[in-house]
Amino acid sequence: MVSNPVQKLLLSLLIVLGMAWPARAGTTYLVFQLENQTKQKTLSWIGEGLAVAISGALQAPGVETISWEERVRFIEASDLPPTTPLSRASMIRVAQSASADRMVFGSYTGTEDNLHIAIRVLNLKTLKTSGGKVANGSAAALPELENDLAWEILTDGNLRGALTREDFRSRTRAVPNKTFTSFINCLSITDEEERAKALQKLLDQNLELPQASFLLGAHYFQNADFAKAIQYLKTALKDPQSYLETQFMLGTCYLKLDNLAEAIQAYNSFNSRSQALEVLNNLGVAYLRRGDFPLAIQNLVEARKLARTDVTVGLNLALLRHMEGDELAALAVLDDLVKAHPEQGLIQYLYGMALTSRGAEAKAAAAFEEAVRQGIDPQKMLRQDLSTWTRIFPAWNRRPGFTWVGEAKISAGGEGGKSR
């Protein structure tokens, strides 16, 4: 959720300006909460339950779905209520702001013993709506109904690939309705601390709910309780929808706890499926801290190709070149960084060190002077291990264009990077 007012303002601005994320390969679906037209409050959970279940089931090569957490984040940034059905116009606005290709919406009527579920899919590029997809049955049969609807969505979109109906049927939700209802009810809690307590209580019953484990692990991760986050994120790996983000958070937790082998394993698991600037940078830092300079260089060079002017990646690569004793290579990076980010004291200090090694005393003195002006304490820096100057990204920018808005000031004591 967007808990930081500045983040909410920035995301709202992007929405107002109509700015979208860069194009992605594949098709992205955003499934909205279905409208409860049964007039029975006891069945109100089904609307969100269907959205969560169908979104999770739409996993196929070339298909991406926007998670419940991301959907809520975009809805909140649009100043809309996150826990109630939206108007069609509001849905379109939210889906376009998230750069979804298609949105799924609908409603359900009837009784617990005889539900009628009707959904439609809107192509956000053409603004054409598919024919209605219908499922009928009792609430007890919801797992099968969810699976049927998800299969129809993939089939109509020509996105099922090599999947057979039998393969897809094996994905039918195994979590009993009673447990799933409790999980969905947790999602309706708007206070994050209270939601975390409810999720904790649910998981304390020894239930295997990867989606709940992901949300609880993410909660502890965002609150810097990395050891506890790991406990839940390991279970969350069983949820394919959040697999990559889970691996990123696991790698970052391990890196924060200086468990370099586990951090490297988690980041490499991410890299085996996708490539991301934040992962390449953090993996490079993990290798650097372990003393494996060739692999550190390999990853940081790849990260720099993706974001040449990024101050975090540039600092790490320049620092690594300096630690290797290759001052010319360090200066090649630092020359650009100092011009682009003269306000970064740590960059100025490292620039002074590299210049000193090359005998450029006057230029080095100017860089050291600027570093001090920016708050760097030279005596303190001399006592530090150089590897502690490395900086990591605290979150994965899954949807480029928003998360890393602006540059953060890199201090001598913080992790640097940009926050979520």
Protein backbone atom coordinates (compact mmCIF):
# COMPACT_ATOMS: atom_id res chain seq x y z
CA MET A 1 0.00 0.00 0.00
CA VAL A 2 1.03 3.60 -0.48
CA SER A 3 1.67 4.62 3.10
CA ASN A 4 4.16 7.39 2.31
CA PRO A 5 2.34 10.65 1.35
CA VAL A 6 5.18 11.67 -1.00
CA GLN A 7 4.96 8.36 -2.87
CA LYS A 8 1.20 8.72 -3.12
CA LEU A 9 1.56 12.24 -4.50
CA LEU A 10 4.12 11.13 -7.09
CA LEU A 11 2.01 8.21 -8.24
CA SER A 12 -1.09 10.40 -8.37
CA LEU A 13 0.84 12.90 -10.52
CA LEU A 14 1.80 10.18 -12.98
CA ILE A 15 -1.84 9.13 -13.19
CA VAL A 16 -3.06 12.68 -13.77
CA LEU A 17 -0.45 13.26 -16.47
CA GLY A 18 -1.35 9.97 -18.14
CA MET A 19 2.21 8.69 -17.86
CA ALA A 20 2.57 4.93 -18.20
CA TRP A 21 5.29 2.43 -17.50
CA PRO A 22 7.54 1.46 -20.40
CA ALA A 23 6.18 -1.33 -22.59
CA ARG A 24 6.61 -4.83 -21.27
CA ALA A 25 6.69 -8.14 -23.08
CA GLY A 26 3.55 -10.21 -22.71
CA THR A 27 0.05 -9.33 -21.53
CA THR A 28 -0.77 -7.87 -18.13
CA TYR A 29 -4.16 -8.40 -16.49
CA LEU A 30 -5.68 -6.42 -13.65
CA VAL A 31 -8.55 -8.28 -11.97
CA PHE A 32 -10.92 -6.09 -9.96
CA GLN A 33 -13.07 -7.08 -7.01
CA LEU A 34 -16.42 -8.36 -8.29
CA GLU A 35 -19.61 -6.61 -7.22
CA ASN A 36 -21.81 -8.43 -4.72
CA GLN A 37 -25.38 -8.25 -6.06
CA THR A 38 -26.70 -10.99 -3.79
CA LYS A 39 -27.62 -8.49 -1.04
CA GLN A 40 -26.19 -10.98 1.46
CA LYS A 41 -23.34 -9.68 3.61
CA THR A 42 -22.18 -13.22 4.38
CA LEU A 43 -21.26 -13.57 0.71
CA SER A 44 -19.45 -10.24 0.43
CA TRP A 45 -16.03 -11.91 0.73
CA ILE A 46 -16.59 -13.70 -2.58
CA GLY A 47 -16.07 -10.56 -4.68
CA GLU A 48 -12.51 -10.06 -3.47
CA GLY A 49 -11.95 -13.79 -3.20
CA LEU A 50 -12.73 -14.28 -6.88
CA ALA A 51 -10.43 -11.40 -7.84
CA VAL A 52 -7.52 -12.77 -5.81
CA ALA A 53 -8.04 -16.36 -6.93
CA ILE A 54 -8.48 -15.60 -10.64
CA SER A 55 -5.51 -13.21 -10.63
CA GLY A 56 -3.35 -15.90 -9.04
CA ALA A 57 -4.53 -18.54 -11.50
CA LEU A 58 -3.71 -16.48 -14.60
CA GLN A 59 -0.10 -17.63 -14.63
CA ALA A 60 1.21 -18.65 -18.03
CA PRO A 61 4.24 -17.80 -20.17
CA GLY A 62 3.79 -14.26 -21.46
CA VAL A 63 1.06 -13.45 -18.94
CA GLU A 64 1.49 -11.20 -15.93
CA THR A 65 -1.09 -10.20 -13.34
CA ILE A 66 -1.14 -7.23 -11.01
CA SER A 67 -1.25 -8.46 -7.44
CA TRP A 68 -3.79 -7.48 -4.80
CA GLU A 69 -1.20 -5.29 -3.04
CA GLU A 70 -0.30 -3.46 -6.25
CA ARG A 71 -3.96 -2.99 -7.17
CA VAL A 72 -4.72 -1.46 -3.79
CA ARG A 73 -1.68 0.80 -4.15
CA PHE A 74 -2.90 2.17 -7.48
CA ILE A 75 -6.48 2.56 -6.26
CA GLU A 76 -5.36 4.49 -3.17
CA ALA A 77 -3.13 6.72 -5.28
CA SER A 78 -6.21 7.56 -7.35
CA ASP A 79 -8.01 8.64 -4.15
CA LEU A 80 -10.53 5.84 -4.55
CA PRO A 81 -11.82 3.38 -1.90
CA PRO A 82 -9.63 0.24 -2.01
CA THR A 83 -12.10 -2.21 -0.46
CA THR A 84 -15.30 -1.57 -2.43
CA PRO A 85 -16.22 -2.15 -6.10
CA LEU A 86 -15.41 0.75 -8.40
CA SER A 87 -17.31 2.30 -11.27
CA ARG A 88 -16.28 1.23 -14.76
CA ALA A 89 -14.66 4.61 -15.42
CA SER A 90 -12.64 4.40 -12.19
CA MET A 91 -11.51 0.88 -13.04
CA ILE A 92 -10.29 2.01 -16.43
CA ARG A 93 -8.42 4.94 -14.90
CA VAL A 94 -6.68 2.69 -12.36
CA ALA A 95 -5.90 -0.02 -14.92
CA GLN A 96 -4.42 2.51 -17.35
CA SER A 97 -2.29 4.06 -14.61
CA ALA A 98 -0.89 0.58 -13.88
CA SER A 99 -0.29 -0.03 -17.61
CA ALA A 100 -2.44 -3.14 -17.59
CA ASP A 101 -3.29 -4.45 -21.04
CA ARG A 102 -6.61 -5.94 -20.01
CA MET A 103 -8.87 -5.59 -17.01
CA VAL A 104 -11.30 -8.15 -15.62
CA PHE A 105 -14.48 -7.06 -13.87
CA GLY A 106 -17.94 -8.39 -13.12
CA SER A 107 -20.50 -9.30 -10.50
CA TYR A 108 -22.26 -12.24 -8.85
CA THR A 109 -25.85 -12.87 -7.85
CA GLY A 110 -27.89 -15.63 -6.27
CA THR A 111 -27.53 -17.51 -3.01
CA GLU A 112 -24.86 -19.56 -1.29
CA ASP A 113 -26.30 -22.71 -2.89
CA ASN A 114 -26.83 -21.20 -6.32
CA LEU A 115 -24.34 -18.51 -7.35
CA HIS A 116 -24.29 -16.89 -10.78
CA ILE A 117 -20.92 -15.28 -11.61
CA ALA A 118 -20.54 -13.09 -14.68
CA ILE A 119 -17.26 -11.47 -15.74
CA ARG A 120 -16.02 -9.54 -18.74
CA VAL A 121 -12.57 -8.57 -20.02
CA LEU A 122 -11.83 -5.09 -21.36
CA ASN A 123 -8.93 -4.62 -23.78
CA LEU A 124 -7.44 -1.32 -22.61
CA LYS A 125 -5.79 -0.60 -25.94
CA THR A 126 -8.91 -0.95 -28.06
CA LEU A 127 -11.44 -0.35 -25.25
CA LYS A 128 -13.42 -3.30 -26.59
CA THR A 129 -15.06 -5.70 -24.16
CA SER A 130 -15.13 -9.44 -24.62
CA GLY A 131 -18.31 -11.46 -24.47
CA GLY A 132 -19.49 -12.39 -20.99
CA LYS A 133 -17.98 -15.35 -19.19
CA VAL A 134 -20.35 -17.10 -16.84
CA ALA A 135 -20.01 -19.69 -14.09
CA ASN A 136 -22.82 -21.19 -12.02
CA GLY A 137 -22.66 -23.28 -8.88
CA SER A 138 -22.66 -23.27 -5.11
CA ALA A 139 -20.22 -21.41 -2.90
CA ALA A 140 -18.76 -24.80 -2.01
CA ALA A 141 -17.75 -25.19 -5.67
CA LEU A 142 -16.00 -21.80 -5.87
CA PRO A 143 -12.48 -23.23 -6.40
CA GLU A 144 -13.68 -25.03 -9.53
CA LEU A 145 -15.65 -21.98 -10.73
CA GLU A 146 -12.59 -19.74 -10.29
CA ASN A 147 -10.50 -22.16 -12.30
CA ASP A 148 -13.10 -22.33 -15.09
CA LEU A 149 -13.26 -18.55 -15.39
CA ALA A 150 -9.47 -18.16 -15.41
CA TRP A 151 -9.20 -20.79 -18.13
CA GLU A 152 -11.81 -18.99 -20.24
CA ILE A 153 -9.90 -15.72 -19.89
CA LEU A 154 -6.65 -17.29 -21.10
CA THR A 155 -8.39 -19.18 -23.90
CA ASP A 156 -10.27 -16.17 -25.23
CA GLY A 157 -7.07 -14.13 -25.11
CA ASN A 158 -5.18 -16.86 -27.03
CA LEU A 159 -2.72 -16.95 -24.12
CA ARG A 160 -2.94 -20.52 -22.86
CA GLY A 161 0.10 -21.57 -24.88
CA ALA A 162 0.94 -25.23 -24.40
CA LEU A 163 -1.28 -25.53 -21.31
CA THR A 164 -3.94 -28.22 -21.51
CA ARG A 165 -7.23 -28.03 -19.69
CA GLU A 166 -6.13 -30.87 -17.44
CA ASP A 167 -2.87 -29.10 -16.60
CA PHE A 168 -4.78 -25.97 -15.71
CA ARG A 169 -7.36 -27.86 -13.68
CA SER A 170 -4.55 -29.05 -11.42
CA ARG A 171 -4.14 -25.41 -10.36
CA THR A 172 -7.58 -25.35 -8.75
CA ARG A 173 -7.43 -23.68 -5.35
CA ALA A 174 -6.77 -26.32 -2.68
CA VAL A 175 -7.28 -23.96 0.27
CA PRO A 176 -10.72 -24.66 1.81
CA ASN A 177 -13.32 -21.93 1.55
CA LYS A 178 -13.38 -21.39 5.32
CA THR A 179 -9.65 -20.68 5.42
CA PHE A 180 -9.73 -18.66 2.21
CA THR A 181 -12.61 -16.57 3.58
CA SER A 182 -10.54 -15.76 6.67
CA PHE A 183 -7.63 -14.71 4.46
CA ILE A 184 -9.83 -12.48 2.28
CA ASN A 185 -11.31 -10.90 5.40
CA CYS A 186 -7.77 -10.03 6.51
CA LEU A 187 -7.33 -8.08 3.26
CA SER A 188 -10.30 -5.88 4.12
CA ILE A 189 -8.45 -4.53 7.19
CA THR A 190 -7.09 -1.14 6.16
CA ASP A 191 -4.71 -0.61 9.09
CA GLU A 192 -1.45 -2.36 8.17
CA GLU A 193 -0.51 -3.29 11.73
CA GLU A 194 -3.94 -4.74 12.42
CA ARG A 195 -3.88 -6.62 9.12
CA ALA A 196 -0.49 -8.08 10.01
CA LYS A 197 -1.84 -9.27 13.36
CA ALA A 198 -4.81 -10.92 11.65
CA LEU A 199 -2.54 -12.63 9.10
CA GLN A 200 -0.24 -13.76 11.91
CA LYS A 201 -3.19 -15.24 13.79
CA LEU A 202 -4.30 -17.05 10.65
CA LEU A 203 -0.87 -18.53 9.97
CA ASP A 204 -0.43 -19.51 13.61
CA GLN A 205 -3.06 -22.17 12.93
CA ASN A 206 -0.39 -24.03 10.92
CA LEU A 207 -2.20 -23.28 7.68
CA GLU A 208 -0.24 -23.18 4.43
CA LEU A 209 -1.24 -19.93 2.77
CA PRO A 210 1.62 -18.66 0.57
CA GLN A 211 -0.25 -15.43 -0.24
CA ALA A 212 -0.71 -14.66 3.45
CA SER A 213 2.92 -15.56 4.11
CA PHE A 214 4.00 -13.16 1.37
CA LEU A 215 2.02 -10.25 2.80
CA LEU A 216 3.27 -10.91 6.31
CA GLY A 217 6.85 -11.35 5.11
CA ALA A 218 6.58 -8.10 3.16
CA HIS A 219 5.25 -6.36 6.26
CA TYR A 220 8.23 -7.43 8.36
CA PHE A 221 10.59 -6.64 5.50
CA GLN A 222 9.27 -3.09 5.22
CA ASN A 223 9.67 -2.72 8.99
CA ALA A 224 13.31 -3.93 8.84
CA ASP A 225 12.65 -7.10 10.87
CA PHE A 226 14.64 -9.14 8.39
CA ALA A 227 15.00 -12.36 10.39
CA LYS A 228 11.23 -12.57 10.88
CA ALA A 229 10.58 -11.62 7.26
CA ILE A 230 12.70 -14.57 6.09
CA GLN A 231 10.58 -16.94 8.16
CA TYR A 232 7.48 -16.09 6.10
CA LEU A 233 9.07 -15.32 2.75
CA LYS A 234 10.44 -18.86 2.48
CA THR A 235 6.87 -20.17 2.49
CA ALA A 236 5.76 -17.41 0.13
CA LEU A 237 8.03 -18.84 -2.60
CA LYS A 238 5.25 -21.34 -3.29
CA ASP A 239 3.09 -18.52 -4.67
CA PRO A 240 4.04 -18.12 -8.38
CA GLN A 241 2.46 -14.66 -8.61
CA SER A 242 4.85 -13.18 -6.03
CA TYR A 243 7.86 -15.47 -6.66
CA LEU A 244 10.21 -12.83 -8.07
CA GLU A 245 9.42 -10.17 -5.48
CA THR A 246 9.77 -12.79 -2.75
CA GLN A 247 13.22 -13.78 -4.02
CA PHE A 248 14.25 -10.13 -4.13
CA MET A 249 13.14 -9.53 -0.56
CA LEU A 250 14.80 -12.75 0.62
CA GLY A 251 18.07 -11.77 -1.04
CA THR A 252 17.91 -8.32 0.53
CA CYS A 253 17.08 -9.72 3.97
CA TYR A 254 20.06 -12.05 3.80
CA LEU A 255 22.30 -9.26 2.56
CA LYS A 256 21.20 -6.99 5.42
CA LEU A 257 22.01 -9.81 7.84
CA ASP A 258 25.40 -10.38 6.14
CA ASN A 259 24.44 -13.90 5.07
CA LEU A 260 26.14 -13.51 1.72
CA ALA A 261 25.81 -17.08 0.43
CA GLU A 262 22.04 -17.10 0.91
CA ALA A 263 21.72 -13.59 -0.55
CA ILE A 264 23.61 -14.63 -3.67
CA GLN A 265 21.47 -17.75 -4.05
CA ALA A 266 18.21 -15.77 -3.79
CA TYR A 267 19.31 -13.07 -6.22
CA ASN A 268 20.57 -15.67 -8.71
CA SER A 269 17.20 -17.46 -8.47
CA PHE A 270 15.61 -14.16 -9.49
CA ASN A 271 18.11 -13.68 -12.33
CA SER A 272 17.36 -17.14 -13.70
CA ARG A 273 13.84 -15.91 -14.56
CA SER A 274 14.21 -12.19 -15.17
CA GLN A 275 16.70 -9.32 -15.15
CA ALA A 276 16.41 -6.22 -12.99
CA LEU A 277 18.70 -3.31 -12.22
CA GLU A 278 18.16 -3.66 -8.47
CA VAL A 279 19.01 -7.36 -8.44
CA LEU A 280 22.15 -6.95 -10.55
CA ASN A 281 23.33 -4.13 -8.28
CA ASN A 282 22.61 -5.95 -5.03
CA LEU A 283 24.11 -9.18 -6.33
CA GLY A 284 27.23 -7.25 -7.31
CA VAL A 285 27.42 -5.85 -3.78
CA ALA A 286 27.03 -9.33 -2.27
CA TYR A 287 29.89 -10.66 -4.40
CA LEU A 288 32.02 -7.60 -3.57
CA ARG A 289 31.48 -8.06 0.16
CA ARG A 290 32.41 -11.73 -0.22
CA GLY A 291 35.60 -10.73 -2.03
CA ASP A 292 34.61 -12.23 -5.39
CA PHE A 293 35.57 -9.21 -7.50
CA PRO A 294 35.18 -10.76 -11.01
CA LEU A 295 31.54 -11.71 -10.39
CA ALA A 296 30.93 -8.40 -8.65
CA ILE A 297 32.22 -6.54 -11.72
CA GLN A 298 30.15 -8.70 -14.06
CA ASN A 299 26.90 -7.84 -12.30
CA LEU A 300 27.65 -4.17 -11.66
CA VAL A 301 28.69 -3.59 -15.27
CA GLU A 302 25.41 -5.17 -16.41
CA ALA A 303 23.50 -2.96 -13.95
CA ARG A 304 25.27 0.14 -15.25
CA LYS A 305 24.24 -0.73 -18.80
CA LEU A 306 20.62 -0.53 -17.65
CA ALA A 307 21.05 2.80 -15.83
CA ARG A 308 24.26 4.59 -16.72
CA THR A 309 23.63 7.67 -14.60
CA ASP A 310 22.29 5.87 -11.54
CA VAL A 311 24.26 7.07 -8.53
CA THR A 312 23.93 3.87 -6.50
CA VAL A 313 25.22 1.57 -9.23
CA GLY A 314 27.92 4.08 -10.20
CA LEU A 315 29.19 4.38 -6.63
CA ASN A 316 29.43 0.61 -6.24
CA LEU A 317 31.23 0.11 -9.54
CA ALA A 318 33.68 2.98 -8.92
CA LEU A 319 34.35 1.71 -5.40
CA LEU A 320 35.00 -1.79 -6.70
CA ARG A 321 37.43 -0.48 -9.35
CA HIS A 322 39.21 1.50 -6.61
CA MET A 323 39.44 -1.57 -4.38
CA GLU A 324 40.98 -3.47 -7.30
CA GLY A 325 43.54 -0.69 -7.71
CA ASP A 326 42.26 0.25 -11.16
CA GLU A 327 42.03 4.00 -10.61
CA LEU A 328 41.65 4.83 -14.29
CA ALA A 329 38.53 2.66 -14.49
CA ALA A 330 37.26 4.17 -11.23
CA LEU A 331 37.78 7.70 -12.56
CA ALA A 332 35.99 6.82 -15.81
CA VAL A 333 32.87 6.19 -13.73
CA LEU A 334 33.41 8.96 -11.18
CA ASP A 335 33.96 11.71 -13.75
CA ASP A 336 30.41 11.18 -15.00
CA LEU A 337 28.93 10.77 -11.52
CA VAL A 338 30.46 13.95 -10.11
CA LYS A 339 29.09 15.96 -13.01
CA ALA A 340 25.62 14.43 -12.69
CA HIS A 341 25.51 14.34 -8.87
CA PRO A 342 27.78 17.02 -7.39
CA GLU A 343 25.70 17.00 -4.19
CA GLN A 344 26.74 13.42 -3.30
CA GLY A 345 29.40 13.73 -0.59
CA LEU A 346 30.47 10.09 -0.69
CA ILE A 347 30.96 10.27 -4.44
CA GLN A 348 33.08 13.41 -3.99
CA TYR A 349 35.17 11.71 -1.30
CA LEU A 350 35.80 8.60 -3.43
CA TYR A 351 36.63 10.90 -6.36
CA GLY A 352 39.24 12.61 -4.21
CA MET A 353 40.77 9.24 -3.28
CA ALA A 354 41.00 8.14 -6.91
CA LEU A 355 42.47 11.48 -7.98
CA THR A 356 45.05 11.30 -5.19
CA SER A 357 46.15 7.87 -6.41
CA ARG A 358 46.71 9.36 -9.85
CA GLY A 359 48.70 12.31 -8.46
CA ALA A 360 46.07 14.97 -9.24
CA GLU A 361 46.50 16.64 -5.84
CA ALA A 362 44.84 20.00 -6.56
CA LYS A 363 41.75 18.43 -8.09
CA ALA A 364 41.61 15.87 -5.27
CA ALA A 365 41.76 18.61 -2.64
CA ALA A 366 38.78 20.32 -4.24
CA ALA A 367 36.82 17.06 -4.23
CA PHE A 368 37.66 16.40 -0.54
CA GLU A 369 36.65 19.95 0.34
CA GLU A 370 33.30 19.48 -1.39
CA ALA A 371 32.82 16.12 0.37
CA VAL A 372 33.31 17.77 3.76
CA ARG A 373 30.90 20.52 2.77
CA GLN A 374 28.36 17.81 2.01
CA GLY A 375 28.74 16.33 5.50
CA ILE A 376 31.48 13.71 5.08
CA ASP A 377 33.83 13.21 8.04
CA PRO A 378 37.26 12.23 6.60
CA GLN A 379 38.54 10.86 9.92
CA LYS A 380 35.53 8.60 10.22
CA MET A 381 35.93 7.41 6.64
CA LEU A 382 39.54 6.40 7.26
CA ARG A 383 38.42 4.01 10.01
CA GLN A 384 35.83 2.24 7.87
CA ASP A 385 36.10 -0.91 5.78
CA LEU A 386 35.65 0.17 2.15
CA SER A 387 33.12 -2.61 1.50
CA THR A 388 30.75 -0.93 3.96
CA TRP A 389 30.48 2.01 1.56
CA THR A 390 28.56 -0.12 -0.94
CA ARG A 391 24.89 0.68 -1.33
CA ILE A 392 21.93 -1.53 -2.17
CA PHE A 393 18.44 -0.97 -3.49
CA PRO A 394 15.89 -1.67 -0.74
CA ALA A 395 13.07 -2.57 -3.13
CA TRP A 396 12.55 -4.00 -6.59
CA ASN A 397 11.19 -1.55 -9.14
CA ARG A 398 8.74 -4.02 -10.65
CA ARG A 399 6.94 -1.36 -12.63
CA PRO A 400 9.55 1.11 -13.98
CA GLY A 401 8.56 4.74 -13.95
CA PHE A 402 7.39 5.23 -10.39
CA THR A 403 9.29 3.43 -7.65
CA TRP A 404 12.65 5.06 -8.27
CA VAL A 405 11.47 8.64 -8.75
CA GLY A 406 14.38 11.02 -8.11
CA GLU A 407 17.77 10.31 -6.61
CA ALA A 408 18.43 9.74 -2.92
CA LYS A 409 21.32 11.36 -1.10
CA ILE A 410 23.97 8.73 -0.45
CA SER A 411 25.39 9.21 3.02
CA ALA A 412 28.40 7.61 4.62
CA GLY A 413 26.28 5.67 7.06
CA GLY A 414 23.05 4.68 5.30
CA GLU A 415 22.21 2.04 2.70
CA GLY A 416 21.56 4.61 0.02
CA GLY A 417 19.60 3.70 -3.08
CA LYS A 418 16.03 4.81 -3.37
CA SER A 419 13.12 3.81 -1.23
CA ARG A 420 9.80 2.36 -2.10
